[in-house]
Amino acid sequence: MRRAPIETSIIIPAYERTGMTENCVKSVLDTIGARHDVEILVIDDCSPVPIKLSSASDSRVQIHRTPKNLRFSGTCNFGASKSSA
């Protein structure tokens, strides 16, 4: 099956708080249902322990890690640079 082109990128900045991030991603996945034109980019803002999510097994979820802590706006900009939309 051919993947639909990405229409929407959802950027989720994250720092530590893996449980909260996991809940957020699962909520987004529940909301978008079977749509494959949406990507979810979790941007780990250089947490002391890299974020790992069970929901990352979904092909629509990507985790990217910043090389240093960029703070909120820098993390959002980093996420936008990784976007396919």
PDB file of N, CA and C in Angstrom:
ATOM      1  N   MET A   1       0.837  -1.179   0.000  1.00  0.00           N
ATOM      2  CA  MET A   1       0.000   0.000   0.000  1.00  0.00           C
ATOM      3  C   MET A   1       0.885   1.247   0.000  1.00  0.00           C
ATOM      4  N   ARG A   2       0.569   2.157  -0.865  1.00  0.00           N
ATOM      5  CA  ARG A   2       1.325   3.402  -0.961  1.00  0.00           C
ATOM      6  C   ARG A   2       0.876   4.373   0.123  1.00  0.00           C
ATOM      7  N   ARG A   3       1.809   5.006   0.772  1.00  0.00           N
ATOM      8  CA  ARG A   3       1.501   5.972   1.814  1.00  0.00           C
ATOM      9  C   ARG A   3       1.005   7.277   1.226  1.00  0.00           C
ATOM     10  N   ALA A   4       0.013   7.851   1.878  1.00  0.00           N
ATOM     11  CA  ALA A   4      -0.513   9.150   1.453  1.00  0.00           C
ATOM     12  C   ALA A   4       0.536  10.221   1.713  1.00  0.00           C
ATOM     13  N   PRO A   5       0.596  11.265   0.880  1.00  0.00           N
ATOM     14  CA  PRO A   5       1.525  12.352   1.174  1.00  0.00           C
ATOM     15  C   PRO A   5       1.142  13.019   2.503  1.00  0.00           C
ATOM     16  N   ILE A   6       2.146  13.461   3.214  1.00  0.00           N
ATOM     17  CA  ILE A   6       1.910  14.099   4.505  1.00  0.00           C
ATOM     18  C   ILE A   6       1.287  15.467   4.280  1.00  0.00           C
ATOM     19  N   GLU A   7       0.126  15.681   4.879  1.00  0.00           N
ATOM     20  CA  GLU A   7      -0.592  16.953   4.798  1.00  0.00           C
ATOM     21  C   GLU A   7      -0.371  17.790   6.051  1.00  0.00           C
ATOM     22  N   THR A   8      -0.188  17.096   7.192  1.00  0.00           N
ATOM     23  CA  THR A   8      -0.101  17.781   8.478  1.00  0.00           C
ATOM     24  C   THR A   8       1.012  17.183   9.328  1.00  0.00           C
ATOM     25  N   SER A   9       1.808  18.047   9.927  1.00  0.00           N
ATOM     26  CA  SER A   9       2.824  17.618  10.895  1.00  0.00           C
ATOM     27  C   SER A   9       2.440  18.185  12.251  1.00  0.00           C
ATOM     28  N   ILE A  10       2.365  17.314  13.235  1.00  0.00           N
ATOM     29  CA  ILE A  10       2.085  17.733  14.604  1.00  0.00           C
ATOM     30  C   ILE A  10       3.396  17.646  15.367  1.00  0.00           C
ATOM     31  N   ILE A  11       3.853  18.774  15.879  1.00  0.00           N
ATOM     32  CA  ILE A  11       5.126  18.837  16.591  1.00  0.00           C
ATOM     33  C   ILE A  11       4.843  18.872  18.090  1.00  0.00           C
ATOM     34  N   ILE A  12       5.432  17.923  18.810  1.00  0.00           N
ATOM     35  CA  ILE A  12       5.267  17.845  20.255  1.00  0.00           C
ATOM     36  C   ILE A  12       6.636  18.014  20.898  1.00  0.00           C
ATOM     37  N   PRO A  13       6.940  19.219  21.439  1.00  0.00           N
ATOM     38  CA  PRO A  13       8.195  19.403  22.145  1.00  0.00           C
ATOM     39  C   PRO A  13       8.135  18.652  23.479  1.00  0.00           C
ATOM     40  N   ALA A  14       9.229  18.014  23.864  1.00  0.00           N
ATOM     41  CA  ALA A  14       9.227  17.227  25.099  1.00  0.00           C
ATOM     42  C   ALA A  14      10.571  17.356  25.811  1.00  0.00           C
ATOM     43  N   TYR A  15      10.496  17.348  27.130  1.00  0.00           N
ATOM     44  CA  TYR A  15      11.698  17.320  27.964  1.00  0.00           C
ATOM     45  C   TYR A  15      11.360  16.460  29.173  1.00  0.00           C
ATOM     46  N   GLU A  16      12.046  15.342  29.301  1.00  0.00           N
ATOM     47  CA  GLU A  16      11.746  14.350  30.337  1.00  0.00           C
ATOM     48  C   GLU A  16      10.269  13.971  30.248  1.00  0.00           C
ATOM     49  N   ARG A  17       9.551  13.857  31.296  1.00  0.00           N
ATOM     50  CA  ARG A  17       8.105  13.597  31.327  1.00  0.00           C
ATOM     51  C   ARG A  17       7.636  12.591  30.264  1.00  0.00           C
ATOM     52  N   THR A  18       8.289  11.433  30.187  1.00  0.00           N
ATOM     53  CA  THR A  18       7.953  10.434  29.179  1.00  0.00           C
ATOM     54  C   THR A  18       6.490  10.009  29.266  1.00  0.00           C
ATOM     55  N   GLY A  19       5.972   9.809  30.471  1.00  0.00           N
ATOM     56  CA  GLY A  19       4.582   9.382  30.633  1.00  0.00           C
ATOM     57  C   GLY A  19       3.608  10.392  30.064  1.00  0.00           C
ATOM     58  N   MET A  20       3.847  11.670  30.337  1.00  0.00           N
ATOM     59  CA  MET A  20       2.972  12.723  29.826  1.00  0.00           C
ATOM     60  C   MET A  20       3.051  12.785  28.303  1.00  0.00           C
ATOM     61  N   THR A  21       4.248  12.646  27.772  1.00  0.00           N
ATOM     62  CA  THR A  21       4.433  12.676  26.318  1.00  0.00           C
ATOM     63  C   THR A  21       3.739  11.476  25.676  1.00  0.00           C
ATOM     64  N   GLU A  22       3.876  10.306  26.290  1.00  0.00           N
ATOM     65  CA  GLU A  22       3.208   9.100  25.779  1.00  0.00           C
ATOM     66  C   GLU A  22       1.693   9.303  25.738  1.00  0.00           C
ATOM     67  N   ASN A  23       1.129   9.861  26.794  1.00  0.00           N
ATOM     68  CA  ASN A  23      -0.315  10.121  26.825  1.00  0.00           C
ATOM     69  C   ASN A  23      -0.720  11.094  25.726  1.00  0.00           C
ATOM     70  N   CYS A  24       0.075  12.105  25.507  1.00  0.00           N
ATOM     71  CA  CYS A  24      -0.209  13.099  24.471  1.00  0.00           C
ATOM     72  C   CYS A  24      -0.220  12.443  23.090  1.00  0.00           C
ATOM     73  N   VAL A  25       0.799  11.650  22.804  1.00  0.00           N
ATOM     74  CA  VAL A  25       0.895  10.991  21.496  1.00  0.00           C
ATOM     75  C   VAL A  25      -0.263  10.026  21.296  1.00  0.00           C
ATOM     76  N   LYS A  26      -0.595   9.248  22.326  1.00  0.00           N
ATOM     77  CA  LYS A  26      -1.716   8.309  22.208  1.00  0.00           C
ATOM     78  C   LYS A  26      -3.023   9.054  21.957  1.00  0.00           C
ATOM     79  N   SER A  27      -3.207  10.184  22.606  1.00  0.00           N
ATOM     80  CA  SER A  27      -4.409  10.986  22.397  1.00  0.00           C
ATOM     81  C   SER A  27      -4.491  11.486  20.955  1.00  0.00           C
ATOM     82  N   VAL A  28      -3.365  11.943  20.425  1.00  0.00           N
ATOM     83  CA  VAL A  28      -3.346  12.405  19.029  1.00  0.00           C
ATOM     84  C   VAL A  28      -3.652  11.238  18.089  1.00  0.00           C
ATOM     85  N   LEU A  29      -3.050  10.087  18.341  1.00  0.00           N
ATOM     86  CA  LEU A  29      -3.308   8.913  17.498  1.00  0.00           C
ATOM     87  C   LEU A  29      -4.779   8.517  17.544  1.00  0.00           C
ATOM     88  N   ASP A  30      -5.381   8.553  18.723  1.00  0.00           N
ATOM     89  CA  ASP A  30      -6.810   8.248  18.844  1.00  0.00           C
ATOM     90  C   ASP A  30      -7.640   9.239  18.038  1.00  0.00           C
ATOM     91  N   THR A  31      -7.238  10.498  18.061  1.00  0.00           N
ATOM     92  CA  THR A  31      -7.985  11.549  17.371  1.00  0.00           C
ATOM     93  C   THR A  31      -7.874  11.433  15.848  1.00  0.00           C
ATOM     94  N   ILE A  32      -6.692  11.124  15.347  1.00  0.00           N
ATOM     95  CA  ILE A  32      -6.529  11.075  13.883  1.00  0.00           C
ATOM     96  C   ILE A  32      -6.989   9.753  13.285  1.00  0.00           C
ATOM     97  N   GLY A  33      -7.199   8.761  14.130  1.00  0.00           N
ATOM     98  CA  GLY A  33      -7.714   7.477  13.641  1.00  0.00           C
ATOM     99  C   GLY A  33      -6.805   6.834  12.616  1.00  0.00           C
ATOM    100  N   ALA A  34      -7.385   6.458  11.484  1.00  0.00           N
ATOM    101  CA  ALA A  34      -6.646   5.720  10.448  1.00  0.00           C
ATOM    102  C   ALA A  34      -5.966   6.627   9.430  1.00  0.00           C
ATOM    103  N   ARG A  35      -6.000   7.931   9.652  1.00  0.00           N
ATOM    104  CA  ARG A  35      -5.379   8.849   8.682  1.00  0.00           C
ATOM    105  C   ARG A  35      -3.880   8.590   8.588  1.00  0.00           C
ATOM    106  N   HIS A  36      -3.391   8.566   7.372  1.00  0.00           N
ATOM    107  CA  HIS A  36      -1.951   8.378   7.157  1.00  0.00           C
ATOM    108  C   HIS A  36      -1.321   9.590   6.472  1.00  0.00           C
ATOM    109  N   ASP A  37      -2.067  10.701   6.463  1.00  0.00           N
ATOM    110  CA  ASP A  37      -1.513  11.927   5.898  1.00  0.00           C
ATOM    111  C   ASP A  37      -1.059  12.881   7.015  1.00  0.00           C
ATOM    112  N   VAL A  38      -0.918  12.325   8.220  1.00  0.00           N
ATOM    113  CA  VAL A  38      -0.494  13.098   9.393  1.00  0.00           C
ATOM    114  C   VAL A  38       0.752  12.438   9.974  1.00  0.00           C
ATOM    115  N   GLU A  39       1.740  13.257  10.327  1.00  0.00           N
ATOM    116  CA  GLU A  39       2.905  12.737  11.036  1.00  0.00           C
ATOM    117  C   GLU A  39       2.973  13.424  12.394  1.00  0.00           C
ATOM    118  N   ILE A  40       3.459  12.690  13.384  1.00  0.00           N
ATOM    119  CA  ILE A  40       3.623  13.214  14.735  1.00  0.00           C
ATOM    120  C   ILE A  40       5.112  13.226  15.034  1.00  0.00           C
ATOM    121  N   LEU A  41       5.643  14.415  15.239  1.00  0.00           N
ATOM    122  CA  LEU A  41       7.070  14.577  15.509  1.00  0.00           C
ATOM    123  C   LEU A  41       7.253  14.933  16.980  1.00  0.00           C
ATOM    124  N   VAL A  42       7.796  14.008  17.745  1.00  0.00           N
ATOM    125  CA  VAL A  42       8.126  14.270  19.141  1.00  0.00           C
ATOM    126  C   VAL A  42       9.570  14.751  19.141  1.00  0.00           C
ATOM    127  N   ILE A  43       9.774  15.948  19.662  1.00  0.00           N
ATOM    128  CA  ILE A  43      11.116  16.523  19.684  1.00  0.00           C
ATOM    129  C   ILE A  43      11.624  16.509  21.120  1.00  0.00           C
ATOM    130  N   ASP A  44      12.565  15.630  21.379  1.00  0.00           N
ATOM    131  CA  ASP A  44      13.183  15.504  22.697  1.00  0.00           C
ATOM    132  C   ASP A  44      14.230  16.603  22.815  1.00  0.00           C
ATOM    133  N   ASP A  45      13.977  17.557  23.686  1.00  0.00           N
ATOM    134  CA  ASP A  45      14.865  18.722  23.834  1.00  0.00           C
ATOM    135  C   ASP A  45      16.063  18.390  24.723  1.00  0.00           C
ATOM    136  N   CYS A  46      16.811  17.374  24.282  1.00  0.00           N
ATOM    137  CA  CYS A  46      18.051  16.951  24.935  1.00  0.00           C
ATOM    138  C   CYS A  46      17.818  16.596  26.410  1.00  0.00           C
ATOM    139  N   SER A  47      16.769  15.805  26.672  1.00  0.00           N
ATOM    140  CA  SER A  47      16.510  15.320  28.034  1.00  0.00           C
ATOM    141  C   SER A  47      17.722  14.553  28.545  1.00  0.00           C
ATOM    142  N   PRO A  48      17.959  14.564  29.868  1.00  0.00           N
ATOM    143  CA  PRO A  48      19.092  13.806  30.410  1.00  0.00           C
ATOM    144  C   PRO A  48      19.041  12.324  30.020  1.00  0.00           C
ATOM    145  N   VAL A  49      17.845  11.754  29.985  1.00  0.00           N
ATOM    146  CA  VAL A  49      17.653  10.384  29.515  1.00  0.00           C
ATOM    147  C   VAL A  49      16.773  10.482  28.269  1.00  0.00           C
ATOM    148  N   PRO A  50      17.256  10.013  27.116  1.00  0.00           N
ATOM    149  CA  PRO A  50      16.474  10.129  25.884  1.00  0.00           C
ATOM    150  C   PRO A  50      15.071   9.534  26.032  1.00  0.00           C
ATOM    151  N   ILE A  51      14.107  10.217  25.455  1.00  0.00           N
ATOM    152  CA  ILE A  51      12.711   9.780  25.516  1.00  0.00           C
ATOM    153  C   ILE A  51      12.513   8.576  24.601  1.00  0.00           C
ATOM    154  N   LYS A  52      11.864   7.552  25.155  1.00  0.00           N
ATOM    155  CA  LYS A  52      11.478   6.377  24.381  1.00  0.00           C
ATOM    156  C   LYS A  52       9.984   6.191  24.604  1.00  0.00           C
ATOM    157  N   LEU A  53       9.240   5.949  23.527  1.00  0.00           N
ATOM    158  CA  LEU A  53       7.797   5.828  23.605  1.00  0.00           C
ATOM    159  C   LEU A  53       7.339   4.522  22.963  1.00  0.00           C
ATOM    160  N   SER A  54       6.414   3.836  23.611  1.00  0.00           N
ATOM    161  CA  SER A  54       5.873   2.617  23.003  1.00  0.00           C
ATOM    162  C   SER A  54       5.064   2.963  21.757  1.00  0.00           C
ATOM    163  N   SER A  55       4.459   4.153  21.739  1.00  0.00           N
ATOM    164  CA  SER A  55       3.667   4.576  20.581  1.00  0.00           C
ATOM    165  C   SER A  55       4.538   4.853  19.355  1.00  0.00           C
ATOM    166  N   ALA A  56       5.844   4.904  19.534  1.00  0.00           N
ATOM    167  CA  ALA A  56       6.750   5.149  18.410  1.00  0.00           C
ATOM    168  C   ALA A  56       6.775   3.964  17.439  1.00  0.00           C
ATOM    169  N   SER A  57       6.159   2.854  17.836  1.00  0.00           N
ATOM    170  CA  SER A  57       6.077   1.724  16.905  1.00  0.00           C
ATOM    171  C   SER A  57       5.108   2.027  15.765  1.00  0.00           C
ATOM    172  N   ASP A  58       4.265   3.040  15.934  1.00  0.00           N
ATOM    173  CA  ASP A  58       3.375   3.496  14.861  1.00  0.00           C
ATOM    174  C   ASP A  58       4.224   4.272  13.855  1.00  0.00           C
ATOM    175  N   SER A  59       4.108   3.944  12.586  1.00  0.00           N
ATOM    176  CA  SER A  59       4.962   4.566  11.562  1.00  0.00           C
ATOM    177  C   SER A  59       4.732   6.068  11.418  1.00  0.00           C
ATOM    178  N   ARG A  60       3.624   6.582  11.941  1.00  0.00           N
ATOM    179  CA  ARG A  60       3.344   8.014  11.857  1.00  0.00           C
ATOM    180  C   ARG A  60       4.053   8.813  12.944  1.00  0.00           C
ATOM    181  N   VAL A  61       4.665   8.117  13.908  1.00  0.00           N
ATOM    182  CA  VAL A  61       5.326   8.775  15.036  1.00  0.00           C
ATOM    183  C   VAL A  61       6.836   8.723  14.840  1.00  0.00           C
ATOM    184  N   GLN A  62       7.466   9.871  14.956  1.00  0.00           N
ATOM    185  CA  GLN A  62       8.929   9.962  14.876  1.00  0.00           C
ATOM    186  C   GLN A  62       9.434  10.674  16.126  1.00  0.00           C
ATOM    187  N   ILE A  63      10.573  10.232  16.620  1.00  0.00           N
ATOM    188  CA  ILE A  63      11.208  10.923  17.736  1.00  0.00           C
ATOM    189  C   ILE A  63      12.532  11.479  17.227  1.00  0.00           C
ATOM    190  N   HIS A  64      12.716  12.775  17.406  1.00  0.00           N
ATOM    191  CA  HIS A  64      13.971  13.433  17.047  1.00  0.00           C
ATOM    192  C   HIS A  64      14.525  14.069  18.317  1.00  0.00           C
ATOM    193  N   ARG A  65      15.828  14.063  18.447  1.00  0.00           N
ATOM    194  CA  ARG A  65      16.484  14.609  19.635  1.00  0.00           C
ATOM    195  C   ARG A  65      17.339  15.805  19.235  1.00  0.00           C
ATOM    196  N   THR A  66      17.188  16.908  19.957  1.00  0.00           N
ATOM    197  CA  THR A  66      18.015  18.078  19.674  1.00  0.00           C
ATOM    198  C   THR A  66      19.437  17.832  20.188  1.00  0.00           C
ATOM    199  N   PRO A  67      20.442  18.442  19.554  1.00  0.00           N
ATOM    200  CA  PRO A  67      21.830  18.232  19.977  1.00  0.00           C
ATOM    201  C   PRO A  67      22.152  18.915  21.308  1.00  0.00           C
ATOM    202  N   LYS A  68      21.360  19.930  21.654  1.00  0.00           N
ATOM    203  CA  LYS A  68      21.497  20.613  22.942  1.00  0.00           C
ATOM    204  C   LYS A  68      20.118  21.163  23.295  1.00  0.00           C
ATOM    205  N   ASN A  69      19.933  21.588  24.524  1.00  0.00           N
ATOM    206  CA  ASN A  69      18.636  22.116  24.940  1.00  0.00           C
ATOM    207  C   ASN A  69      18.394  23.442  24.234  1.00  0.00           C
ATOM    208  N   LEU A  70      17.321  23.492  23.446  1.00  0.00           N
ATOM    209  CA  LEU A  70      17.021  24.667  22.630  1.00  0.00           C
ATOM    210  C   LEU A  70      15.897  25.517  23.210  1.00  0.00           C
ATOM    211  N   ARG A  71      15.318  25.078  24.316  1.00  0.00           N
ATOM    212  CA  ARG A  71      14.164  25.743  24.921  1.00  0.00           C
ATOM    213  C   ARG A  71      12.962  25.577  23.999  1.00  0.00           C
ATOM    214  N   PHE A  72      11.826  26.076  24.415  1.00  0.00           N
ATOM    215  CA  PHE A  72      10.573  25.784  23.707  1.00  0.00           C
ATOM    216  C   PHE A  72      10.580  26.226  22.246  1.00  0.00           C
ATOM    217  N   SER A  73      10.856  27.499  21.993  1.00  0.00           N
ATOM    218  CA  SER A  73      10.750  27.988  20.608  1.00  0.00           C
ATOM    219  C   SER A  73      11.805  27.343  19.710  1.00  0.00           C
ATOM    220  N   GLY A  74      13.003  27.158  20.214  1.00  0.00           N
ATOM    221  CA  GLY A  74      14.044  26.505  19.433  1.00  0.00           C
ATOM    222  C   GLY A  74      13.695  25.061  19.119  1.00  0.00           C
ATOM    223  N   THR A  75      13.064  24.387  20.090  1.00  0.00           N
ATOM    224  CA  THR A  75      12.648  23.004  19.880  1.00  0.00           C
ATOM    225  C   THR A  75      11.548  22.934  18.828  1.00  0.00           C
ATOM    226  N   CYS A  76      10.600  23.870  18.872  1.00  0.00           N
ATOM    227  CA  CYS A  76       9.546  23.919  17.855  1.00  0.00           C
ATOM    228  C   CYS A  76      10.140  24.162  16.468  1.00  0.00           C
ATOM    229  N   ASN A  77      11.086  25.073  16.368  1.00  0.00           N
ATOM    230  CA  ASN A  77      11.740  25.353  15.074  1.00  0.00           C
ATOM    231  C   ASN A  77      12.514  24.128  14.581  1.00  0.00           C
ATOM    232  N   PHE A  78      13.192  23.435  15.489  1.00  0.00           N
ATOM    233  CA  PHE A  78      13.903  22.217  15.136  1.00  0.00           C
ATOM    234  C   PHE A  78      12.905  21.195  14.583  1.00  0.00           C
ATOM    235  N   GLY A  79      11.757  21.057  15.257  1.00  0.00           N
ATOM    236  CA  GLY A  79      10.724  20.133  14.801  1.00  0.00           C
ATOM    237  C   GLY A  79      10.209  20.516  13.420  1.00  0.00           C
ATOM    238  N   ALA A  80      10.002  21.809  13.190  1.00  0.00           N
ATOM    239  CA  ALA A  80       9.527  22.265  11.881  1.00  0.00           C
ATOM    240  C   ALA A  80      10.529  21.909  10.784  1.00  0.00           C
ATOM    241  N   SER A  81      11.814  21.931  11.123  1.00  0.00           N
ATOM    242  CA  SER A  81      12.830  21.584  10.120  1.00  0.00           C
ATOM    243  C   SER A  81      12.804  20.099   9.768  1.00  0.00           C
ATOM    244  N   LYS A  82      12.214  19.277  10.629  1.00  0.00           N
ATOM    245  CA  LYS A  82      12.114  17.835  10.386  1.00  0.00           C
ATOM    246  C   LYS A  82      10.795  17.447   9.718  1.00  0.00           C
ATOM    247  N   SER A  83       9.919  18.404   9.551  1.00  0.00           N
ATOM    248  CA  SER A  83       8.575  18.162   9.034  1.00  0.00           C
ATOM    249  C   SER A  83       8.587  17.781   7.555  1.00  0.00           C
ATOM    250  N   SER A  84       7.690  16.901   7.185  1.00  0.00           N
ATOM    251  CA  SER A  84       7.515  16.529   5.774  1.00  0.00           C
ATOM    252  C   SER A  84       6.419  17.342   5.106  1.00  0.00           C
ATOM    253  N   ALA A  85       5.616  18.042   5.893  1.00  0.00           N
ATOM    254  CA  ALA A  85       4.482  18.803   5.331  1.00  0.00           C
ATOM    255  C   ALA A  85       4.917  20.166   4.853  1.00  0.00           C
TER     256      ALA A  85
END
